[in-house]
Amino acid sequence: MLNINKVKEGSKLTIAIEGRLDTTTAPQLENVINEEIEGVTDLTFDLKALDYISSAGLRVLLSSQKIMNKQGNMVVKNSSEEVLEIFEVTGFSDIFTIE
């Protein structure tokens, strides 16, 4: 299960993800991003309540990063140790700005 909370203030978008981001739930996040990303110059993913991320979830974050490379900045924050380890092992820690 995945809960997505989004807050948009002007050109800033914060997406807080809670639960599991996997093959089943990644399309849900992708839809939210596609609906909201236009005109966004600051995108933040708050992963404080993210329990698990699969390759499908990583793909959605990577595609978001590619979009934001063209139109602004993306930050990933409040990742758990487990999620940070996945970012490290996959090399995504070199791609994302992690706070």
N, C-alpha and C. Protein backbone atom coordinates (compact mmCIF):
# COMPACT_ATOMS: atom_id res chain seq x y z
N MET A 1 0.84 -1.19 0.00
CA MET A 1 0.00 0.00 0.00
C MET A 1 0.88 1.25 0.00
N LEU A 2 0.40 2.29 -0.67
CA LEU A 2 1.15 3.53 -0.78
C LEU A 2 0.23 4.72 -0.55
N ASN A 3 0.65 5.62 0.34
CA ASN A 3 -0.05 6.88 0.52
C ASN A 3 0.85 7.98 -0.02
N ILE A 4 0.26 8.87 -0.82
CA ILE A 4 1.02 9.97 -1.41
C ILE A 4 0.36 11.28 -0.97
N ASN A 5 1.14 12.10 -0.28
CA ASN A 5 0.65 13.42 0.13
C ASN A 5 1.46 14.46 -0.63
N LYS A 6 0.77 15.36 -1.32
CA LYS A 6 1.48 16.36 -2.10
C LYS A 6 1.08 17.76 -1.65
N VAL A 7 2.05 18.63 -1.62
CA VAL A 7 1.82 20.02 -1.28
C VAL A 7 2.49 20.85 -2.37
N LYS A 8 1.68 21.67 -3.04
CA LYS A 8 2.22 22.52 -4.10
C LYS A 8 2.04 23.98 -3.69
N GLU A 9 3.16 24.69 -3.65
CA GLU A 9 3.15 26.11 -3.33
C GLU A 9 3.87 26.83 -4.46
N GLY A 10 3.11 27.40 -5.36
CA GLY A 10 3.72 28.06 -6.51
C GLY A 10 4.46 27.06 -7.36
N SER A 11 5.78 27.27 -7.50
CA SER A 11 6.59 26.36 -8.32
C SER A 11 7.29 25.30 -7.48
N LYS A 12 6.94 25.21 -6.18
CA LYS A 12 7.52 24.19 -5.30
C LYS A 12 6.52 23.06 -5.09
N LEU A 13 7.00 21.84 -5.24
CA LEU A 13 6.16 20.66 -5.01
C LEU A 13 6.88 19.72 -4.06
N THR A 14 6.19 19.35 -2.98
CA THR A 14 6.71 18.37 -2.04
C THR A 14 5.79 17.15 -2.09
N ILE A 15 6.39 15.99 -2.29
CA ILE A 15 5.64 14.75 -2.32
C ILE A 15 6.15 13.86 -1.19
N ALA A 16 5.29 13.58 -0.24
CA ALA A 16 5.63 12.68 0.87
C ALA A 16 5.05 11.31 0.55
N ILE A 17 5.90 10.30 0.62
CA ILE A 17 5.50 8.94 0.25
C ILE A 17 5.54 8.07 1.51
N GLU A 18 4.46 7.34 1.71
CA GLU A 18 4.33 6.48 2.90
C GLU A 18 3.95 5.07 2.47
N GLY A 19 4.71 4.10 2.95
CA GLY A 19 4.39 2.70 2.64
C GLY A 19 5.45 2.06 1.76
N ARG A 20 5.00 1.31 0.76
CA ARG A 20 5.89 0.57 -0.12
C ARG A 20 5.78 1.10 -1.55
N LEU A 21 6.92 1.43 -2.13
CA LEU A 21 6.97 1.88 -3.52
C LEU A 21 7.54 0.73 -4.34
N ASP A 22 6.64 -0.01 -4.99
CA ASP A 22 7.06 -1.21 -5.72
C ASP A 22 6.33 -1.29 -7.05
N THR A 23 6.39 -2.43 -7.70
CA THR A 23 5.79 -2.61 -9.02
C THR A 23 4.31 -2.29 -9.02
N THR A 24 3.63 -2.61 -7.93
CA THR A 24 2.19 -2.37 -7.84
C THR A 24 1.86 -0.90 -7.65
N THR A 25 2.66 -0.19 -6.85
CA THR A 25 2.32 1.18 -6.47
C THR A 25 3.06 2.25 -7.27
N ALA A 26 4.13 1.90 -7.96
CA ALA A 26 4.91 2.89 -8.72
C ALA A 26 4.06 3.65 -9.74
N PRO A 27 3.15 2.97 -10.48
CA PRO A 27 2.32 3.73 -11.43
C PRO A 27 1.47 4.82 -10.77
N GLN A 28 1.06 4.57 -9.54
CA GLN A 28 0.27 5.54 -8.78
C GLN A 28 1.09 6.82 -8.57
N LEU A 29 2.35 6.67 -8.15
CA LEU A 29 3.23 7.82 -7.95
C LEU A 29 3.53 8.50 -9.29
N GLU A 30 3.76 7.70 -10.31
CA GLU A 30 4.05 8.24 -11.63
C GLU A 30 2.91 9.13 -12.13
N ASN A 31 1.68 8.69 -11.90
CA ASN A 31 0.50 9.48 -12.30
C ASN A 31 0.46 10.83 -11.58
N VAL A 32 0.72 10.80 -10.27
CA VAL A 32 0.71 12.03 -9.48
C VAL A 32 1.78 13.00 -10.01
N ILE A 33 2.96 12.48 -10.26
CA ILE A 33 4.05 13.33 -10.77
C ILE A 33 3.68 13.92 -12.12
N ASN A 34 3.17 13.09 -13.02
CA ASN A 34 2.81 13.57 -14.35
C ASN A 34 1.73 14.66 -14.30
N GLU A 35 0.81 14.54 -13.33
CA GLU A 35 -0.26 15.53 -13.19
C GLU A 35 0.26 16.86 -12.62
N GLU A 36 1.29 16.79 -11.78
CA GLU A 36 1.70 17.96 -11.00
C GLU A 36 2.99 18.63 -11.46
N ILE A 37 3.80 17.98 -12.28
CA ILE A 37 5.19 18.42 -12.51
C ILE A 37 5.32 19.67 -13.38
N GLU A 38 4.33 19.97 -14.18
CA GLU A 38 4.46 21.11 -15.07
C GLU A 38 4.61 22.42 -14.29
N GLY A 39 5.65 23.17 -14.64
CA GLY A 39 5.89 24.45 -13.99
C GLY A 39 6.62 24.36 -12.65
N VAL A 40 6.93 23.15 -12.22
CA VAL A 40 7.62 22.97 -10.94
C VAL A 40 9.12 23.20 -11.13
N THR A 41 9.73 24.04 -10.29
CA THR A 41 11.17 24.25 -10.35
C THR A 41 11.89 23.65 -9.14
N ASP A 42 11.14 23.36 -8.09
CA ASP A 42 11.70 22.72 -6.90
C ASP A 42 10.83 21.53 -6.52
N LEU A 43 11.38 20.34 -6.69
CA LEU A 43 10.65 19.11 -6.35
C LEU A 43 11.36 18.43 -5.19
N THR A 44 10.59 18.12 -4.15
CA THR A 44 11.14 17.43 -2.98
C THR A 44 10.35 16.15 -2.75
N PHE A 45 11.07 15.05 -2.59
CA PHE A 45 10.46 13.79 -2.17
C PHE A 45 10.82 13.58 -0.71
N ASP A 46 9.81 13.53 0.14
CA ASP A 46 10.01 13.25 1.57
C ASP A 46 9.74 11.76 1.78
N LEU A 47 10.80 11.02 2.09
CA LEU A 47 10.69 9.56 2.19
C LEU A 47 10.71 9.07 3.64
N LYS A 48 10.38 9.95 4.58
CA LYS A 48 10.44 9.60 6.00
C LYS A 48 9.62 8.35 6.32
N ALA A 49 8.46 8.20 5.68
CA ALA A 49 7.57 7.07 5.99
C ALA A 49 7.61 5.99 4.91
N LEU A 50 8.64 6.03 4.04
CA LEU A 50 8.77 5.01 3.00
C LEU A 50 9.47 3.78 3.60
N ASP A 51 8.77 2.64 3.55
CA ASP A 51 9.31 1.41 4.14
C ASP A 51 10.19 0.64 3.17
N TYR A 52 9.87 0.74 1.87
CA TYR A 52 10.53 -0.11 0.88
C TYR A 52 10.46 0.55 -0.49
N ILE A 53 11.52 0.39 -1.27
CA ILE A 53 11.50 0.86 -2.65
C ILE A 53 12.10 -0.22 -3.55
N SER A 54 11.40 -0.53 -4.63
CA SER A 54 11.89 -1.55 -5.58
C SER A 54 12.47 -0.85 -6.80
N SER A 55 12.91 -1.64 -7.77
CA SER A 55 13.47 -1.06 -8.99
C SER A 55 12.42 -0.24 -9.73
N ALA A 56 11.16 -0.63 -9.64
CA ALA A 56 10.09 0.15 -10.28
C ALA A 56 9.97 1.52 -9.63
N GLY A 57 10.10 1.58 -8.32
CA GLY A 57 10.07 2.85 -7.61
C GLY A 57 11.27 3.71 -7.95
N LEU A 58 12.44 3.08 -8.04
CA LEU A 58 13.64 3.81 -8.43
C LEU A 58 13.49 4.40 -9.82
N ARG A 59 12.86 3.67 -10.71
CA ARG A 59 12.64 4.15 -12.08
C ARG A 59 11.80 5.42 -12.09
N VAL A 60 10.76 5.46 -11.25
CA VAL A 60 9.89 6.65 -11.17
C VAL A 60 10.69 7.84 -10.64
N LEU A 61 11.51 7.62 -9.61
CA LEU A 61 12.33 8.72 -9.08
C LEU A 61 13.34 9.19 -10.12
N LEU A 62 13.92 8.24 -10.86
CA LEU A 62 14.90 8.59 -11.89
C LEU A 62 14.25 9.40 -13.01
N SER A 63 13.07 9.00 -13.43
CA SER A 63 12.39 9.75 -14.50
C SER A 63 12.04 11.16 -14.01
N SER A 64 11.70 11.29 -12.72
CA SER A 64 11.43 12.61 -12.13
C SER A 64 12.70 13.46 -12.15
N GLN A 65 13.83 12.82 -11.83
CA GLN A 65 15.12 13.53 -11.82
C GLN A 65 15.45 14.03 -13.22
N LYS A 66 15.19 13.21 -14.24
CA LYS A 66 15.48 13.61 -15.62
C LYS A 66 14.65 14.83 -16.02
N ILE A 67 13.37 14.84 -15.62
CA ILE A 67 12.52 15.99 -15.91
C ILE A 67 13.04 17.23 -15.19
N MET A 68 13.39 17.07 -13.91
CA MET A 68 13.83 18.21 -13.11
C MET A 68 15.21 18.71 -13.54
N ASN A 69 16.02 17.87 -14.16
CA ASN A 69 17.31 18.34 -14.69
C ASN A 69 17.08 19.43 -15.73
N LYS A 70 15.94 19.39 -16.40
CA LYS A 70 15.62 20.38 -17.44
C LYS A 70 14.92 21.62 -16.87
N GLN A 71 14.18 21.44 -15.74
CA GLN A 71 13.36 22.58 -15.30
C GLN A 71 13.61 23.04 -13.87
N GLY A 72 14.58 22.45 -13.17
CA GLY A 72 14.83 22.91 -11.82
C GLY A 72 15.63 21.93 -10.99
N ASN A 73 15.29 21.85 -9.70
CA ASN A 73 16.02 21.02 -8.74
C ASN A 73 15.12 19.95 -8.14
N MET A 74 15.73 18.82 -7.80
CA MET A 74 15.02 17.76 -7.09
C MET A 74 15.85 17.33 -5.90
N VAL A 75 15.17 17.16 -4.77
CA VAL A 75 15.83 16.73 -3.53
C VAL A 75 15.07 15.54 -2.98
N VAL A 76 15.83 14.57 -2.47
CA VAL A 76 15.25 13.43 -1.77
C VAL A 76 15.68 13.58 -0.31
N LYS A 77 14.70 13.60 0.61
CA LYS A 77 15.08 13.81 2.01
C LYS A 77 14.39 12.82 2.94
N ASN A 78 14.95 12.73 4.14
CA ASN A 78 14.41 11.89 5.23
C ASN A 78 14.35 10.41 4.88
N SER A 79 15.31 9.93 4.09
CA SER A 79 15.32 8.50 3.74
C SER A 79 15.75 7.67 4.94
N SER A 80 15.15 6.49 5.06
CA SER A 80 15.55 5.55 6.11
C SER A 80 16.91 4.95 5.75
N GLU A 81 17.52 4.29 6.71
CA GLU A 81 18.80 3.62 6.45
C GLU A 81 18.67 2.59 5.33
N GLU A 82 17.56 1.86 5.33
CA GLU A 82 17.34 0.82 4.32
C GLU A 82 17.24 1.42 2.93
N VAL A 83 16.48 2.50 2.80
CA VAL A 83 16.32 3.16 1.50
C VAL A 83 17.64 3.79 1.07
N LEU A 84 18.37 4.41 1.99
CA LEU A 84 19.67 4.99 1.66
C LEU A 84 20.63 3.91 1.16
N GLU A 85 20.57 2.74 1.78
CA GLU A 85 21.44 1.64 1.35
C GLU A 85 21.11 1.21 -0.08
N ILE A 86 19.83 1.17 -0.41
CA ILE A 86 19.41 0.84 -1.77
C ILE A 86 19.94 1.89 -2.75
N PHE A 87 19.85 3.18 -2.37
CA PHE A 87 20.39 4.24 -3.22
C PHE A 87 21.90 4.05 -3.43
N GLU A 88 22.61 3.68 -2.35
CA GLU A 88 24.06 3.47 -2.43
C GLU A 88 24.41 2.31 -3.36
N VAL A 89 23.76 1.18 -3.14
CA VAL A 89 24.07 -0.05 -3.90
C VAL A 89 23.78 0.14 -5.39
N THR A 90 22.71 0.87 -5.70
CA THR A 90 22.30 1.04 -7.10
C THR A 90 23.02 2.21 -7.78
N GLY A 91 23.76 3.02 -7.00
CA GLY A 91 24.43 4.18 -7.57
C GLY A 91 23.54 5.40 -7.67
N PHE A 92 22.31 5.29 -7.19
CA PHE A 92 21.39 6.43 -7.26
C PHE A 92 21.81 7.54 -6.31
N SER A 93 22.62 7.22 -5.31
CA SER A 93 23.09 8.26 -4.39
C SER A 93 23.99 9.26 -5.12
N ASP A 94 24.56 8.85 -6.27
CA ASP A 94 25.37 9.76 -7.07
C ASP A 94 24.52 10.63 -7.99
N ILE A 95 23.29 10.20 -8.23
CA ILE A 95 22.40 10.91 -9.15
C ILE A 95 21.52 11.91 -8.42
N PHE A 96 21.01 11.49 -7.25
CA PHE A 96 20.07 12.32 -6.49
C PHE A 96 20.78 13.24 -5.54
N THR A 97 20.15 14.38 -5.23
CA THR A 97 20.57 15.22 -4.13
C THR A 97 19.83 14.71 -2.91
N ILE A 98 20.59 14.14 -1.96
CA ILE A 98 19.97 13.51 -0.79
C ILE A 98 20.30 14.34 0.45
N GLU A 99 19.24 14.69 1.18
CA GLU A 99 19.41 15.46 2.41
C GLU A 99 19.00 14.63 3.61
